């Protein structure tokens, strides 16, 4: 297994985790804003 390949998989999975966390943060912010409106 090449080192570059493993590094690419780790970086891609890490970026996916970051995107998922960002999506959850955005959803939470929208829920808080929506709750304050009501």
Protein backbone atom coordinates (compact mmCIF):
# COMPACT_ATOMS: atom_id res chain seq x y z
CA UNK A 1 0.00 0.00 0.00
CA UNK A 2 1.47 3.32 -1.05
CA UNK A 3 1.97 6.03 1.56
CA UNK A 4 0.47 8.70 -0.71
CA UNK A 5 -2.71 6.60 -1.16
CA UNK A 6 -3.22 6.13 2.59
CA UNK A 7 -2.59 9.84 3.18
CA UNK A 8 -5.14 10.72 0.49
CA UNK A 9 -7.77 8.45 2.07
CA UNK A 10 -7.14 9.92 5.53
CA UNK A 11 -7.30 13.52 4.27
CA UNK A 12 -10.50 12.82 2.30
CA UNK A 13 -12.21 11.13 5.25
CA UNK A 14 -11.08 13.99 7.51
CA UNK A 15 -12.54 16.55 5.10
CA UNK A 16 -15.82 14.57 5.01
CA UNK A 17 -15.94 14.67 8.82
CA UNK A 18 -15.34 18.43 8.78
CA UNK A 19 -18.13 18.92 6.23
CA UNK A 20 -20.51 16.79 8.32
CA UNK A 21 -19.69 18.75 11.48
CA UNK A 22 -20.19 22.04 9.61
CA UNK A 23 -23.56 20.84 8.29
CA UNK A 24 -24.69 19.91 11.81
CA UNK A 25 -23.52 23.31 13.11
CA UNK A 26 -25.49 25.11 10.38
CA UNK A 27 -28.61 23.07 11.13
CA UNK A 28 -28.28 23.85 14.84
CA UNK A 29 -27.88 27.58 14.13
CA UNK A 30 -30.93 27.57 11.86
CA UNK A 31 -32.96 25.77 14.52
CA UNK A 32 -31.94 28.33 17.15
CA UNK A 33 -32.83 31.22 14.83
CA UNK A 34 -36.16 29.59 13.94
CA UNK A 35 -36.94 28.97 17.62
CA UNK A 36 -36.24 32.61 18.47
CA UNK A 37 -38.56 33.77 15.70
CA UNK A 38 -41.42 31.74 17.16
